[in-house]
Amino acid sequence: GFHRGGMPPFMQEEIGQFIIWRMDSAADTLNLNSSQRLLYGHLKTNLKESFDKGITAKTQMKALAQEQMEKDQPDISVITNGIQEHMNTMAGMMDKTLSLFHSFYSSLDDKQKEIINTKFKDRFDQVRQHRTAEYRMGCKKWNL
């Protein structure tokens, strides 16, 4: 699988597009007013930019690490500084995205919030069921 080196950039782009598509599908069910559509548009634009910046930053960080590891005497501090910079960039993007989501969610009425909450709960239940099944399969595999 991709777990050893992460997903290739083209898959990250596809996943980003899929996330936006799912968000758009959900937003279509909310009957948003003009101010809510504006807030949703800001959130969506920010996410698209974050996906693109994240892919670029990760690619640059990996190239930096690869460059150092090809040297006879790699400078590990260059790698750790690159990782720290990447993590700080990602944290900043997540902070902005969460703030925009909060603003959007706060603009929704109770009925719209209930639609979003139900979608979140359903998704969390799916993930929980999948992880529980994975755990049981792992226990069987290792006779635990």
N, C-alpha and C. Protein backbone atom coordinates (compact mmCIF):
# COMPACT_ATOMS: atom_id res chain seq x y z
N GLY A 1 0.81 -1.18 0.00
CA GLY A 1 0.00 0.00 0.00
C GLY A 1 0.85 1.25 0.00
N PHE A 2 0.18 2.39 0.10
CA PHE A 2 0.87 3.66 0.09
C PHE A 2 1.33 4.08 1.47
N HIS A 3 1.07 3.26 2.49
CA HIS A 3 1.34 3.68 3.86
C HIS A 3 2.81 3.96 4.14
N ARG A 4 3.71 3.40 3.38
CA ARG A 4 5.14 3.62 3.66
C ARG A 4 5.61 4.98 3.19
N GLY A 5 5.14 5.44 2.04
CA GLY A 5 5.62 6.71 1.52
C GLY A 5 4.52 7.73 1.33
N GLY A 6 3.35 7.44 1.81
CA GLY A 6 2.22 8.34 1.60
C GLY A 6 1.65 8.16 0.20
N MET A 7 0.63 8.91 -0.07
CA MET A 7 -0.01 8.84 -1.38
C MET A 7 0.74 9.70 -2.37
N PRO A 8 0.77 9.27 -3.64
CA PRO A 8 1.40 10.13 -4.64
C PRO A 8 0.56 11.40 -4.84
N PRO A 9 1.20 12.50 -5.28
CA PRO A 9 0.49 13.77 -5.42
C PRO A 9 -0.78 13.70 -6.26
N PHE A 10 -0.78 12.89 -7.33
CA PHE A 10 -1.99 12.84 -8.16
C PHE A 10 -3.17 12.28 -7.38
N MET A 11 -2.92 11.35 -6.45
CA MET A 11 -4.01 10.82 -5.65
C MET A 11 -4.47 11.84 -4.62
N GLN A 12 -3.53 12.62 -4.09
CA GLN A 12 -3.89 13.65 -3.13
C GLN A 12 -4.80 14.68 -3.80
N GLU A 13 -4.50 15.01 -5.05
CA GLU A 13 -5.33 15.96 -5.79
C GLU A 13 -6.73 15.38 -5.99
N GLU A 14 -6.80 14.09 -6.36
CA GLU A 14 -8.10 13.46 -6.56
C GLU A 14 -8.89 13.40 -5.26
N ILE A 15 -8.23 13.12 -4.17
CA ILE A 15 -8.93 13.08 -2.88
C ILE A 15 -9.44 14.46 -2.52
N GLY A 16 -8.64 15.50 -2.76
CA GLY A 16 -9.09 16.87 -2.52
C GLY A 16 -10.32 17.21 -3.35
N GLN A 17 -10.30 16.81 -4.62
CA GLN A 17 -11.45 17.06 -5.49
C GLN A 17 -12.67 16.28 -5.01
N PHE A 18 -12.46 15.06 -4.53
CA PHE A 18 -13.56 14.25 -4.01
C PHE A 18 -14.17 14.89 -2.76
N ILE A 19 -13.32 15.40 -1.88
CA ILE A 19 -13.81 16.05 -0.66
C ILE A 19 -14.66 17.27 -1.02
N ILE A 20 -14.18 18.08 -1.97
CA ILE A 20 -14.93 19.25 -2.40
C ILE A 20 -16.26 18.82 -3.02
N TRP A 21 -16.24 17.78 -3.82
CA TRP A 21 -17.47 17.27 -4.43
C TRP A 21 -18.47 16.85 -3.35
N ARG A 22 -17.99 16.13 -2.33
CA ARG A 22 -18.89 15.70 -1.25
C ARG A 22 -19.44 16.89 -0.48
N MET A 23 -18.59 17.88 -0.26
CA MET A 23 -19.05 19.09 0.43
C MET A 23 -20.12 19.80 -0.40
N ASP A 24 -19.88 19.93 -1.70
CA ASP A 24 -20.86 20.57 -2.58
C ASP A 24 -22.18 19.81 -2.58
N SER A 25 -22.10 18.49 -2.61
CA SER A 25 -23.32 17.68 -2.58
C SER A 25 -24.10 17.92 -1.30
N ALA A 26 -23.39 18.00 -0.18
CA ALA A 26 -24.06 18.26 1.10
C ALA A 26 -24.61 19.68 1.13
N ALA A 27 -23.84 20.64 0.64
CA ALA A 27 -24.28 22.04 0.66
C ALA A 27 -25.54 22.22 -0.18
N ASP A 28 -25.66 21.45 -1.27
CA ASP A 28 -26.84 21.55 -2.12
C ASP A 28 -28.12 21.19 -1.38
N THR A 29 -28.01 20.36 -0.34
CA THR A 29 -29.20 19.94 0.42
C THR A 29 -29.60 20.95 1.49
N LEU A 30 -28.78 21.97 1.71
CA LEU A 30 -29.02 22.90 2.82
C LEU A 30 -29.87 24.11 2.46
N ASN A 31 -30.11 24.35 1.18
CA ASN A 31 -30.88 25.53 0.76
C ASN A 31 -30.29 26.80 1.39
N LEU A 32 -29.02 27.06 1.08
CA LEU A 32 -28.29 28.17 1.68
C LEU A 32 -28.80 29.51 1.17
N ASN A 33 -28.83 30.50 2.06
CA ASN A 33 -29.14 31.86 1.62
C ASN A 33 -27.87 32.51 1.07
N SER A 34 -27.96 33.73 0.61
CA SER A 34 -26.81 34.36 -0.06
C SER A 34 -25.62 34.55 0.87
N SER A 35 -25.85 34.95 2.11
CA SER A 35 -24.71 35.15 3.03
C SER A 35 -24.07 33.80 3.40
N GLN A 36 -24.89 32.76 3.54
CA GLN A 36 -24.35 31.43 3.82
C GLN A 36 -23.55 30.91 2.63
N ARG A 37 -24.05 31.15 1.41
CA ARG A 37 -23.32 30.74 0.20
C ARG A 37 -21.96 31.43 0.12
N LEU A 38 -21.94 32.70 0.52
CA LEU A 38 -20.68 33.44 0.52
C LEU A 38 -19.68 32.82 1.51
N LEU A 39 -20.14 32.53 2.72
CA LEU A 39 -19.27 31.90 3.71
C LEU A 39 -18.82 30.51 3.25
N TYR A 40 -19.73 29.76 2.66
CA TYR A 40 -19.37 28.44 2.13
C TYR A 40 -18.33 28.59 1.01
N GLY A 41 -18.50 29.58 0.16
CA GLY A 41 -17.54 29.83 -0.92
C GLY A 41 -16.15 30.13 -0.38
N HIS A 42 -16.06 30.92 0.70
CA HIS A 42 -14.76 31.21 1.33
C HIS A 42 -14.12 29.92 1.86
N LEU A 43 -14.94 29.10 2.52
CA LEU A 43 -14.45 27.83 3.06
C LEU A 43 -13.93 26.93 1.93
N LYS A 44 -14.71 26.81 0.88
CA LYS A 44 -14.36 25.94 -0.25
C LYS A 44 -13.09 26.44 -0.95
N THR A 45 -12.97 27.73 -1.18
CA THR A 45 -11.78 28.30 -1.81
C THR A 45 -10.55 28.05 -0.94
N ASN A 46 -10.71 28.27 0.36
CA ASN A 46 -9.60 28.02 1.28
C ASN A 46 -9.17 26.57 1.24
N LEU A 47 -10.12 25.65 1.22
CA LEU A 47 -9.77 24.22 1.18
C LEU A 47 -9.02 23.87 -0.09
N LYS A 48 -9.51 24.37 -1.23
CA LYS A 48 -8.82 24.09 -2.49
C LYS A 48 -7.38 24.60 -2.43
N GLU A 49 -7.20 25.83 -1.94
CA GLU A 49 -5.85 26.40 -1.82
C GLU A 49 -5.00 25.59 -0.85
N SER A 50 -5.60 25.15 0.25
CA SER A 50 -4.87 24.36 1.25
C SER A 50 -4.42 23.03 0.67
N PHE A 51 -5.29 22.37 -0.09
CA PHE A 51 -4.90 21.11 -0.72
C PHE A 51 -3.71 21.33 -1.63
N ASP A 52 -3.77 22.36 -2.47
CA ASP A 52 -2.68 22.64 -3.41
C ASP A 52 -1.39 22.99 -2.67
N LYS A 53 -1.49 23.87 -1.68
CA LYS A 53 -0.30 24.27 -0.91
C LYS A 53 0.27 23.08 -0.14
N GLY A 54 -0.61 22.26 0.41
CA GLY A 54 -0.17 21.10 1.17
C GLY A 54 0.60 20.11 0.32
N ILE A 55 0.10 19.87 -0.89
CA ILE A 55 0.78 18.94 -1.80
C ILE A 55 2.14 19.51 -2.18
N THR A 56 2.18 20.80 -2.49
CA THR A 56 3.45 21.44 -2.87
C THR A 56 4.44 21.41 -1.72
N ALA A 57 3.98 21.76 -0.53
CA ALA A 57 4.86 21.79 0.65
C ALA A 57 5.40 20.40 0.96
N LYS A 58 4.55 19.39 0.87
CA LYS A 58 4.98 18.02 1.16
C LYS A 58 6.00 17.55 0.13
N THR A 59 5.76 17.86 -1.12
CA THR A 59 6.69 17.49 -2.19
C THR A 59 8.05 18.15 -1.97
N GLN A 60 8.04 19.43 -1.61
CA GLN A 60 9.29 20.15 -1.36
C GLN A 60 10.02 19.58 -0.14
N MET A 61 9.27 19.25 0.91
CA MET A 61 9.88 18.69 2.10
C MET A 61 10.52 17.34 1.80
N LYS A 62 9.84 16.51 1.05
CA LYS A 62 10.38 15.20 0.69
C LYS A 62 11.63 15.34 -0.17
N ALA A 63 11.62 16.30 -1.10
CA ALA A 63 12.79 16.53 -1.96
C ALA A 63 13.98 16.99 -1.12
N LEU A 64 13.72 17.85 -0.14
CA LEU A 64 14.78 18.33 0.74
C LEU A 64 15.38 17.17 1.53
N ALA A 65 14.53 16.31 2.07
CA ALA A 65 15.02 15.15 2.83
C ALA A 65 15.80 14.21 1.92
N GLN A 66 15.29 13.96 0.73
CA GLN A 66 15.97 13.07 -0.22
C GLN A 66 17.34 13.63 -0.59
N GLU A 67 17.41 14.93 -0.82
CA GLU A 67 18.68 15.59 -1.17
C GLU A 67 19.71 15.39 -0.05
N GLN A 68 19.27 15.57 1.18
CA GLN A 68 20.19 15.41 2.31
C GLN A 68 20.62 13.96 2.48
N MET A 69 19.71 13.03 2.29
CA MET A 69 20.03 11.61 2.50
C MET A 69 20.95 11.06 1.41
N GLU A 70 21.04 11.74 0.29
CA GLU A 70 21.95 11.31 -0.77
C GLU A 70 23.38 11.78 -0.52
N LYS A 71 23.57 12.67 0.44
CA LYS A 71 24.91 13.16 0.78
C LYS A 71 25.64 12.15 1.66
N ASP A 72 26.97 12.19 1.60
CA ASP A 72 27.76 11.33 2.47
C ASP A 72 27.53 11.68 3.93
N GLN A 73 27.40 12.97 4.21
CA GLN A 73 27.15 13.45 5.57
C GLN A 73 25.86 14.28 5.56
N PRO A 74 24.71 13.62 5.63
CA PRO A 74 23.46 14.39 5.61
C PRO A 74 23.34 15.30 6.82
N ASP A 75 22.79 16.47 6.59
CA ASP A 75 22.57 17.42 7.67
C ASP A 75 21.14 17.20 8.19
N ILE A 76 21.05 16.46 9.25
CA ILE A 76 19.75 16.10 9.81
C ILE A 76 18.99 17.34 10.29
N SER A 77 19.71 18.37 10.71
CA SER A 77 19.03 19.59 11.15
C SER A 77 18.28 20.24 9.99
N VAL A 78 18.79 20.13 8.77
CA VAL A 78 18.08 20.66 7.60
C VAL A 78 16.76 19.91 7.43
N ILE A 79 16.81 18.59 7.62
CA ILE A 79 15.59 17.78 7.48
C ILE A 79 14.60 18.11 8.58
N THR A 80 15.06 18.18 9.83
CA THR A 80 14.12 18.46 10.93
C THR A 80 13.54 19.86 10.80
N ASN A 81 14.37 20.82 10.38
CA ASN A 81 13.84 22.18 10.16
C ASN A 81 12.80 22.18 9.04
N GLY A 82 13.03 21.41 7.99
CA GLY A 82 12.06 21.30 6.90
C GLY A 82 10.75 20.68 7.36
N ILE A 83 10.86 19.66 8.19
CA ILE A 83 9.65 19.02 8.72
C ILE A 83 8.89 19.99 9.63
N GLN A 84 9.63 20.70 10.48
CA GLN A 84 8.97 21.68 11.36
C GLN A 84 8.26 22.76 10.55
N GLU A 85 8.92 23.25 9.52
CA GLU A 85 8.32 24.28 8.67
C GLU A 85 7.05 23.74 8.00
N HIS A 86 7.13 22.50 7.51
CA HIS A 86 5.97 21.88 6.88
C HIS A 86 4.81 21.74 7.88
N MET A 87 5.12 21.27 9.08
CA MET A 87 4.09 21.09 10.09
C MET A 87 3.47 22.43 10.49
N ASN A 88 4.28 23.46 10.61
CA ASN A 88 3.76 24.79 10.95
C ASN A 88 2.86 25.33 9.84
N THR A 89 3.26 25.09 8.61
CA THR A 89 2.43 25.51 7.47
C THR A 89 1.09 24.80 7.51
N MET A 90 1.13 23.49 7.74
CA MET A 90 -0.10 22.71 7.78
C MET A 90 -0.99 23.15 8.94
N ALA A 91 -0.39 23.41 10.08
CA ALA A 91 -1.16 23.86 11.25
C ALA A 91 -1.85 25.19 10.97
N GLY A 92 -1.14 26.10 10.32
CA GLY A 92 -1.73 27.39 9.97
C GLY A 92 -2.90 27.24 9.01
N MET A 93 -2.74 26.35 8.04
CA MET A 93 -3.82 26.13 7.08
C MET A 93 -5.03 25.49 7.77
N MET A 94 -4.78 24.55 8.67
CA MET A 94 -5.89 23.91 9.39
C MET A 94 -6.61 24.92 10.29
N ASP A 95 -5.87 25.78 10.93
CA ASP A 95 -6.46 26.79 11.80
C ASP A 95 -7.40 27.69 11.01
N LYS A 96 -6.94 28.14 9.86
CA LYS A 96 -7.77 29.01 9.02
C LYS A 96 -9.01 28.26 8.52
N THR A 97 -8.81 27.02 8.10
CA THR A 97 -9.94 26.23 7.60
C THR A 97 -10.98 26.00 8.69
N LEU A 98 -10.52 25.67 9.89
CA LEU A 98 -11.46 25.45 11.00
C LEU A 98 -12.20 26.73 11.37
N SER A 99 -11.51 27.86 11.32
CA SER A 99 -12.17 29.14 11.60
C SER A 99 -13.25 29.43 10.56
N LEU A 100 -12.93 29.17 9.29
CA LEU A 100 -13.91 29.40 8.23
C LEU A 100 -15.09 28.44 8.36
N PHE A 101 -14.80 27.18 8.72
CA PHE A 101 -15.90 26.24 8.92
C PHE A 101 -16.78 26.69 10.07
N HIS A 102 -16.16 27.13 11.15
CA HIS A 102 -16.94 27.58 12.31
C HIS A 102 -17.85 28.75 11.93
N SER A 103 -17.31 29.70 11.17
CA SER A 103 -18.13 30.84 10.73
C SER A 103 -19.30 30.37 9.88
N PHE A 104 -19.02 29.46 8.96
CA PHE A 104 -20.08 28.92 8.10
C PHE A 104 -21.13 28.19 8.94
N TYR A 105 -20.67 27.27 9.79
CA TYR A 105 -21.59 26.48 10.61
C TYR A 105 -22.43 27.38 11.51
N SER A 106 -21.82 28.40 12.08
CA SER A 106 -22.55 29.32 12.97
C SER A 106 -23.63 30.09 12.23
N SER A 107 -23.49 30.23 10.92
CA SER A 107 -24.48 30.97 10.13
C SER A 107 -25.72 30.12 9.80
N LEU A 108 -25.63 28.81 10.04
CA LEU A 108 -26.74 27.92 9.69
C LEU A 108 -27.86 28.00 10.72
N ASP A 109 -29.08 27.75 10.26
CA ASP A 109 -30.20 27.67 11.21
C ASP A 109 -30.23 26.26 11.81
N ASP A 110 -31.11 26.03 12.75
CA ASP A 110 -31.14 24.75 13.47
C ASP A 110 -31.41 23.57 12.53
N LYS A 111 -32.28 23.75 11.57
CA LYS A 111 -32.59 22.66 10.63
C LYS A 111 -31.36 22.31 9.78
N GLN A 112 -30.65 23.33 9.31
CA GLN A 112 -29.45 23.10 8.51
C GLN A 112 -28.35 22.45 9.35
N LYS A 113 -28.22 22.89 10.60
CA LYS A 113 -27.22 22.28 11.49
C LYS A 113 -27.53 20.81 11.73
N GLU A 114 -28.81 20.50 11.87
CA GLU A 114 -29.20 19.11 12.09
C GLU A 114 -28.82 18.24 10.89
N ILE A 115 -28.97 18.77 9.69
CA ILE A 115 -28.56 18.04 8.48
C ILE A 115 -27.06 17.77 8.51
N ILE A 116 -26.28 18.79 8.83
CA ILE A 116 -24.82 18.64 8.91
C ILE A 116 -24.45 17.66 10.02
N ASN A 117 -25.07 17.82 11.19
CA ASN A 117 -24.76 16.94 12.32
C ASN A 117 -25.05 15.48 11.99
N THR A 118 -26.16 15.23 11.33
CA THR A 118 -26.51 13.87 10.94
C THR A 118 -25.48 13.30 9.98
N LYS A 119 -25.04 14.09 9.01
CA LYS A 119 -24.01 13.63 8.07
C LYS A 119 -22.71 13.32 8.81
N PHE A 120 -22.30 14.18 9.74
CA PHE A 120 -21.09 13.93 10.52
C PHE A 120 -21.22 12.65 11.35
N LYS A 121 -22.36 12.50 12.03
CA LYS A 121 -22.57 11.32 12.86
C LYS A 121 -22.53 10.05 12.01
N ASP A 122 -23.19 10.08 10.86
CA ASP A 122 -23.18 8.91 9.98
C ASP A 122 -21.77 8.56 9.54
N ARG A 123 -21.00 9.58 9.19
CA ARG A 123 -19.62 9.34 8.74
C ARG A 123 -18.77 8.80 9.88
N PHE A 124 -18.91 9.35 11.07
CA PHE A 124 -18.15 8.86 12.22
C PHE A 124 -18.51 7.41 12.52
N ASP A 125 -19.79 7.07 12.42
CA ASP A 125 -20.20 5.69 12.65
C ASP A 125 -19.59 4.76 11.62
N GLN A 126 -19.54 5.17 10.35
CA GLN A 126 -18.92 4.35 9.31
C GLN A 126 -17.44 4.11 9.61
N VAL A 127 -16.73 5.15 10.01
CA VAL A 127 -15.30 5.02 10.32
C VAL A 127 -15.12 4.11 11.53
N ARG A 128 -15.93 4.31 12.55
CA ARG A 128 -15.82 3.49 13.75
C ARG A 128 -16.07 2.02 13.42
N GLN A 129 -17.08 1.73 12.63
CA GLN A 129 -17.37 0.35 12.26
C GLN A 129 -16.23 -0.26 11.45
N HIS A 130 -15.67 0.53 10.55
CA HIS A 130 -14.55 0.04 9.74
C HIS A 130 -13.35 -0.27 10.63
N ARG A 131 -13.03 0.64 11.54
CA ARG A 131 -11.87 0.44 12.42
C ARG A 131 -12.09 -0.73 13.36
N THR A 132 -13.30 -0.91 13.84
CA THR A 132 -13.60 -2.04 14.71
C THR A 132 -13.43 -3.34 13.94
N ALA A 133 -13.91 -3.38 12.71
CA ALA A 133 -13.76 -4.58 11.87
C ALA A 133 -12.28 -4.84 11.59
N GLU A 134 -11.52 -3.79 11.30
CA GLU A 134 -10.07 -3.92 11.07
C GLU A 134 -9.39 -4.48 12.31
N TYR A 135 -9.77 -4.00 13.47
CA TYR A 135 -9.18 -4.45 14.72
C TYR A 135 -9.47 -5.93 14.93
N ARG A 136 -10.72 -6.32 14.71
CA ARG A 136 -11.09 -7.74 14.88
C ARG A 136 -10.31 -8.62 13.92
N MET A 137 -10.14 -8.15 12.68
CA MET A 137 -9.38 -8.93 11.70
C MET A 137 -7.92 -9.06 12.14
N GLY A 138 -7.35 -8.00 12.69
CA GLY A 138 -5.98 -8.04 13.17
C GLY A 138 -5.82 -9.01 14.33
N CYS A 139 -6.80 -9.04 15.22
CA CYS A 139 -6.75 -9.97 16.35
C CYS A 139 -6.80 -11.40 15.87
N LYS A 140 -7.65 -11.67 14.89
CA LYS A 140 -7.74 -13.03 14.35
C LYS A 140 -6.43 -13.43 13.68
N LYS A 141 -5.86 -12.49 12.94
CA LYS A 141 -4.61 -12.75 12.21
C LYS A 141 -3.49 -13.13 13.18
N TRP A 142 -3.44 -12.45 14.33
CA TRP A 142 -2.35 -12.67 15.27
C TRP A 142 -2.78 -13.55 16.45
N ASN A 143 -3.96 -14.17 16.35
CA ASN A 143 -4.48 -15.06 17.40
C ASN A 143 -4.52 -14.38 18.77
N LEU A 144 -5.02 -13.16 18.78
CA LEU A 144 -5.13 -12.42 20.05
C LEU A 144 -6.50 -12.63 20.68
